[in-house]
C-alpha atoms as a PDB file:
ATOM      1  CA  MET A   1      10.927   1.853  13.279  1.00  0.00           C
ATOM      2  CA  GLU A   2       8.699   1.943  16.380  1.00  0.00           C
ATOM      3  CA  GLU A   3       7.321  -1.385  17.447  1.00  0.00           C
ATOM      4  CA  ASN A   4       3.629  -0.475  17.269  1.00  0.00           C
ATOM      5  CA  LYS A   5       3.478   1.879  14.302  1.00  0.00           C
ATOM      6  CA  ILE A   6       4.641   2.175  10.739  1.00  0.00           C
ATOM      7  CA  SER A   7       6.157   5.369  11.894  1.00  0.00           C
ATOM      8  CA  ALA A   8       6.797   8.545   9.975  1.00  0.00           C
ATOM      9  CA  ASP A   9       8.571   9.776  13.123  1.00  0.00           C
ATOM     10  CA  SER A  10      11.420   7.291  12.879  1.00  0.00           C
ATOM     11  CA  ASN A  11      14.897   8.339  11.776  1.00  0.00           C
ATOM     12  CA  GLU A  12      14.980   5.354   9.428  1.00  0.00           C
ATOM     13  CA  PRO A  13      13.120   5.790   6.145  1.00  0.00           C
ATOM     14  CA  ILE A  14      10.157   3.510   5.596  1.00  0.00           C
ATOM     15  CA  LYS A  15      10.875   1.148   2.694  1.00  0.00           C
ATOM     16  CA  ILE A  16       7.896   1.212   0.328  1.00  0.00           C
ATOM     17  CA  ILE A  17       7.310  -0.584  -2.938  1.00  0.00           C
ATOM     18  CA  MET A  18       4.487   0.777  -5.050  1.00  0.00           C
ATOM     19  CA  ALA A  19       3.211  -1.285  -7.974  1.00  0.00           C
ATOM     20  CA  ASP A  20       1.148   0.850 -10.344  1.00  0.00           C
ATOM     21  CA  ASP A  21       1.247   1.064 -14.127  1.00  0.00           C
ATOM     22  CA  ASP A  22       0.001   4.679 -14.175  1.00  0.00           C
ATOM     23  CA  HIS A  23       3.039   6.977 -14.130  1.00  0.00           C
ATOM     24  CA  ASP A  24       0.904  10.012 -13.212  1.00  0.00           C
ATOM     25  CA  ASP A  25      -0.353   8.137 -10.144  1.00  0.00           C
ATOM     26  CA  GLN A  26       3.221   7.157  -9.263  1.00  0.00           C
ATOM     27  CA  GLU A  27       4.361  10.770  -9.504  1.00  0.00           C
ATOM     28  CA  MET A  28       1.408  12.044  -7.458  1.00  0.00           C
ATOM     29  CA  PHE A  29       2.099   9.402  -4.791  1.00  0.00           C
ATOM     30  CA  GLN A  30       5.763  10.469  -4.576  1.00  0.00           C
ATOM     31  CA  GLU A  31       4.773  14.127  -4.289  1.00  0.00           C
ATOM     32  CA  ALA A  32       2.148  13.332  -1.630  1.00  0.00           C
ATOM     33  CA  VAL A  33       4.683  11.353   0.427  1.00  0.00           C
ATOM     34  CA  ASP A  34       7.054  14.317   0.203  1.00  0.00           C
ATOM     35  CA  GLU A  35       4.255  16.724   1.192  1.00  0.00           C
ATOM     36  CA  ALA A  36       3.288  14.484   4.118  1.00  0.00           C
ATOM     37  CA  LYS A  37       6.916  14.632   5.266  1.00  0.00           C
ATOM     38  CA  VAL A  38       7.112  10.849   5.581  1.00  0.00           C
ATOM     39  CA  PRO A  39      10.748   9.697   5.334  1.00  0.00           C
ATOM     40  CA  VAL A  40      10.666   6.930   2.761  1.00  0.00           C
ATOM     41  CA  ASP A  41      12.804   4.819   0.504  1.00  0.00           C
ATOM     42  CA  LEU A  42      10.292   4.490  -2.348  1.00  0.00           C
ATOM     43  CA  THR A  43      10.626   1.980  -5.167  1.00  0.00           C
ATOM     44  CA  MET A  44       8.175   2.161  -8.070  1.00  0.00           C
ATOM     45  CA  VAL A  45       7.389  -0.758 -10.363  1.00  0.00           C
ATOM     46  CA  ASP A  46       5.073  -0.722 -13.374  1.00  0.00           C
ATOM     47  CA  ASN A  47       3.397  -4.116 -13.082  1.00  0.00           C
ATOM     48  CA  GLY A  48       2.892  -7.109 -10.868  1.00  0.00           C
ATOM     49  CA  GLN A  49       5.661  -9.162 -12.416  1.00  0.00           C
ATOM     50  CA  GLN A  50       8.199  -6.420 -11.697  1.00  0.00           C
ATOM     51  CA  LEU A  51       6.897  -6.311  -8.112  1.00  0.00           C
ATOM     52  CA  MET A  52       7.304 -10.049  -7.620  1.00  0.00           C
ATOM     53  CA  ASP A  53      10.759  -9.992  -9.240  1.00  0.00           C
ATOM     54  CA  ASN A  54      11.781  -7.221  -6.833  1.00  0.00           C
ATOM     55  CA  LEU A  55      10.362  -9.058  -3.807  1.00  0.00           C
ATOM     56  CA  HIS A  56      12.226 -12.253  -4.751  1.00  0.00           C
ATOM     57  CA  ASP A  57      15.512 -10.465  -5.531  1.00  0.00           C
ATOM     58  CA  PRO A  58      18.030 -11.549  -2.862  1.00  0.00           C
ATOM     59  CA  GLU A  59      19.857  -8.228  -3.326  1.00  0.00           C
ATOM     60  CA  GLU A  60      16.761  -6.260  -2.248  1.00  0.00           C
ATOM     61  CA  ALA A  61      15.640  -5.985   1.374  1.00  0.00           C
ATOM     62  CA  ASN A  62      11.956  -6.641   1.936  1.00  0.00           C
ATOM     63  CA  PRO A  63       9.864  -3.489   2.088  1.00  0.00           C
ATOM     64  CA  ASP A  64       8.099  -2.297   5.232  1.00  0.00           C
ATOM     65  CA  ILE A  65       4.877  -1.879   3.251  1.00  0.00           C
ATOM     66  CA  ILE A  66       3.558  -2.549  -0.265  1.00  0.00           C
ATOM     67  CA  PHE A  67       1.096  -0.336  -2.142  1.00  0.00           C
ATOM     68  CA  LEU A  68      -0.531  -2.422  -4.848  1.00  0.00           C
ATOM     69  CA  ASP A  69      -2.820  -1.411  -7.702  1.00  0.00           C
ATOM     70  CA  ILE A  70      -5.347  -4.024  -8.832  1.00  0.00           C
ATOM     71  CA  ASN A  71      -5.507  -3.307 -12.568  1.00  0.00           C
ATOM     72  CA  MET A  72      -2.017  -3.728 -14.031  1.00  0.00           C
ATOM     73  CA  PRO A  73      -0.613  -5.472 -17.096  1.00  0.00           C
ATOM     74  CA  VAL A  74       1.433  -8.680 -17.050  1.00  0.00           C
ATOM     75  CA  LYS A  75       0.315  -9.688 -13.525  1.00  0.00           C
ATOM     76  CA  ASN A  76      -2.514  -7.913 -11.725  1.00  0.00           C
ATOM     77  CA  GLY A  77      -2.643  -6.862  -8.102  1.00  0.00           C
ATOM     78  CA  LYS A  78      -4.928  -9.679  -6.977  1.00  0.00           C
ATOM     79  CA  GLN A  79      -2.532 -12.277  -8.393  1.00  0.00           C
ATOM     80  CA  CYS A  80       0.380 -10.567  -6.627  1.00  0.00           C
ATOM     81  CA  LEU A  81      -1.515 -10.348  -3.349  1.00  0.00           C
ATOM     82  CA  GLU A  82      -2.227 -14.084  -3.400  1.00  0.00           C
ATOM     83  CA  GLU A  83       1.439 -14.864  -4.124  1.00  0.00           C
ATOM     84  CA  ILE A  84       2.645 -12.505  -1.391  1.00  0.00           C
ATOM     85  CA  LYS A  85       0.316 -13.890   1.277  1.00  0.00           C
ATOM     86  CA  LYS A  86       1.219 -17.508   0.424  1.00  0.00           C
ATOM     87  CA  ASP A  87       4.972 -16.837   0.659  1.00  0.00           C
ATOM     88  CA  ASP A  88       6.403 -17.358   4.152  1.00  0.00           C
ATOM     89  CA  ASP A  89       9.075 -14.710   3.528  1.00  0.00           C
ATOM     90  CA  LEU A  90       6.585 -12.067   2.350  1.00  0.00           C
ATOM     91  CA  LYS A  91       3.218 -12.776   3.993  1.00  0.00           C
ATOM     92  CA  ASP A  92       3.776 -10.476   6.985  1.00  0.00           C
ATOM     93  CA  ILE A  93       4.525  -7.384   4.890  1.00  0.00           C
ATOM     94  CA  PRO A  94       1.531  -5.023   5.175  1.00  0.00           C
ATOM     95  CA  THR A  95      -0.095  -4.804   1.756  1.00  0.00           C
ATOM     96  CA  VAL A  96      -2.301  -1.854   0.868  1.00  0.00           C
ATOM     97  CA  MET A  97      -4.546  -2.167  -2.164  1.00  0.00           C
ATOM     98  CA  TYR A  98      -4.312   1.279  -3.777  1.00  0.00           C
ATOM     99  CA  THR A  99      -6.736   1.333  -6.684  1.00  0.00           C
ATOM    100  CA  THR A 100      -9.415   3.153  -8.627  1.00  0.00           C
ATOM    101  CA  SER A 101     -11.777   0.222  -8.118  1.00  0.00           C
ATOM    102  CA  THR A 102     -14.510   0.529  -5.521  1.00  0.00           C
ATOM    103  CA  HIS A 103     -16.276  -2.579  -6.791  1.00  0.00           C
ATOM    104  CA  PRO A 104     -17.554  -4.672  -3.862  1.00  0.00           C
ATOM    105  CA  THR A 105     -16.148  -7.857  -5.425  1.00  0.00           C
ATOM    106  CA  ASP A 106     -12.624  -6.388  -5.567  1.00  0.00           C
ATOM    107  CA  ILE A 107     -12.910  -5.224  -1.962  1.00  0.00           C
ATOM    108  CA  GLU A 108     -14.193  -8.596  -0.744  1.00  0.00           C
ATOM    109  CA  GLU A 109     -11.689 -10.669  -2.718  1.00  0.00           C
ATOM    110  CA  THR A 110      -8.700  -8.646  -1.539  1.00  0.00           C
ATOM    111  CA  PHE A 111      -9.911  -8.737   2.070  1.00  0.00           C
ATOM    112  CA  GLU A 112     -10.314 -12.527   1.858  1.00  0.00           C
ATOM    113  CA  SER A 113      -6.883 -12.859   0.220  1.00  0.00           C
ATOM    114  CA  GLY A 114      -5.206 -11.087   3.126  1.00  0.00           C
ATOM    115  CA  ALA A 115      -4.767  -7.468   2.066  1.00  0.00           C
ATOM    116  CA  ASN A 116      -4.248  -5.274   5.093  1.00  0.00           C
ATOM    117  CA  LEU A 117      -5.942  -2.113   3.848  1.00  0.00           C
ATOM    118  CA  TYR A 118      -7.989  -1.019   0.833  1.00  0.00           C
ATOM    119  CA  VAL A 119      -7.512   2.566  -0.327  1.00  0.00           C
ATOM    120  CA  PRO A 120      -9.550   3.868  -3.260  1.00  0.00           C
ATOM    121  CA  LYS A 121      -7.375   6.392  -5.092  1.00  0.00           C
ATOM    122  CA  PRO A 122      -8.499   9.822  -3.890  1.00  0.00           C
ATOM    123  CA  ASN A 123      -9.842  12.530  -6.170  1.00  0.00           C
ATOM    124  CA  SER A 124      -7.544  15.203  -4.788  1.00  0.00           C
ATOM    125  CA  PHE A 125      -3.868  15.591  -4.033  1.00  0.00           C
ATOM    126  CA  GLN A 126      -4.653  16.848  -0.523  1.00  0.00           C
ATOM    127  CA  GLY A 127      -6.831  13.785   0.052  1.00  0.00           C
ATOM    128  CA  LEU A 128      -3.878  11.556  -0.836  1.00  0.00           C
ATOM    129  CA  VAL A 129      -1.596  13.476   1.527  1.00  0.00           C
ATOM    130  CA  LEU A 130      -4.117  12.983   4.360  1.00  0.00           C
ATOM    131  CA  ILE A 131      -4.456   9.262   3.577  1.00  0.00           C
ATOM    132  CA  ILE A 132      -0.674   8.815   3.640  1.00  0.00           C
ATOM    133  CA  LYS A 133      -0.425  10.652   6.961  1.00  0.00           C
ATOM    134  CA  LYS A 134      -3.208   8.450   8.367  1.00  0.00           C
ATOM    135  CA  ILE A 135      -1.620   5.196   7.180  1.00  0.00           C
ATOM    136  CA  PHE A 136       1.768   6.070   8.647  1.00  0.00           C
ATOM    137  CA  SER A 137       0.255   7.021  11.991  1.00  0.00           C
ATOM    138  CA  MET A 138      -1.868   3.870  12.349  1.00  0.00           C
ATOM    139  CA  ASP A 139      -1.260   1.316  15.039  1.00  0.00           C
ATOM    140  CA  LEU A 140       0.113  -1.842  13.436  1.00  0.00           C
ATOM    141  CA  LYS A 141      -2.675  -3.905  15.015  1.00  0.00           C
ATOM    142  CA  GLU A 142      -5.127  -1.959  12.844  1.00  0.00           C
ATOM    143  CA  ILE A 143      -3.156  -2.896   9.750  1.00  0.00           C
ATOM    144  CA  PHE A 144      -2.078  -6.473  10.444  1.00  0.00           C
ATOM    145  CA  LYS A 145      -5.486  -7.807  11.438  1.00  0.00           C
ATOM    146  CA  PRO A 146      -7.952  -5.493   9.789  1.00  0.00           C
ATOM    147  CA  MET A 147     -11.545  -5.673  10.854  1.00  0.00           C
ATOM    148  CA  ARG A 148     -13.845  -5.592   7.874  1.00  0.00           C
ATOM    149  CA  ARG A 149     -15.326  -2.250   8.914  1.00  0.00           C
ATOM    150  CA  HIS A 150     -11.836  -0.664   9.039  1.00  0.00           C
ATOM    151  CA  PHE A 151     -10.522  -2.320   5.870  1.00  0.00           C
ATOM    152  CA  ILE A 152     -11.371   0.584   3.546  1.00  0.00           C
ATOM    153  CA  LEU A 153      -9.663   3.946   4.043  1.00  0.00           C
ATOM    154  CA  SER A 154     -11.040   6.560   1.674  1.00  0.00           C
ATOM    155  CA  GLU A 155     -10.523  10.256   1.084  1.00  0.00           C
ATOM    156  CA  LYS A 156     -13.933  10.824   2.691  1.00  0.00           C
ATOM    157  CA  ASP A 157     -12.722   9.083   5.883  1.00  0.00           C
ATOM    158  CA  VAL A 158      -9.668  11.291   6.315  1.00  0.00           C
ATOM    159  CA  LYS A 159     -11.378  14.533   5.361  1.00  0.00           C
ATOM    160  CA  GLY A 160     -14.320  13.882   7.657  1.00  0.00           C
ATOM    161  CA  ASN A 161     -16.933  14.684   4.981  1.00  0.00           C
END
């Protein structure tokens, strides 16, 4: 992987874990990654507890990036985010909140808890493809230390509407 980008241009696949309890959203994400031609090693989990179990599994390498839904059963995304950012072995993994929520409280709480990017789930497949392309072409500085005004990446932002 390039030093300054989470790069879709690398020969090595980008290791992604996506935690989302909606199987339709998981499938659409997989299809959008394929459409965006981003080489990935994608692991899907259905809830926050499965995510944390995967992240703490010594047999599993840490992912390059985590996509995390807020509203999940067993353990929600905010609880996972707090655990991830407090864990010395996990805190530097870029964590993208990928959720249907656009509630200002969710946005503020996840920003304060250390999420690196907040992506409201787009309304269209093409919007998701554009968001994925944008994320995997971003400079890591934009992701690791997000400025509040660049914290949210929406379908509107990538489509230029």
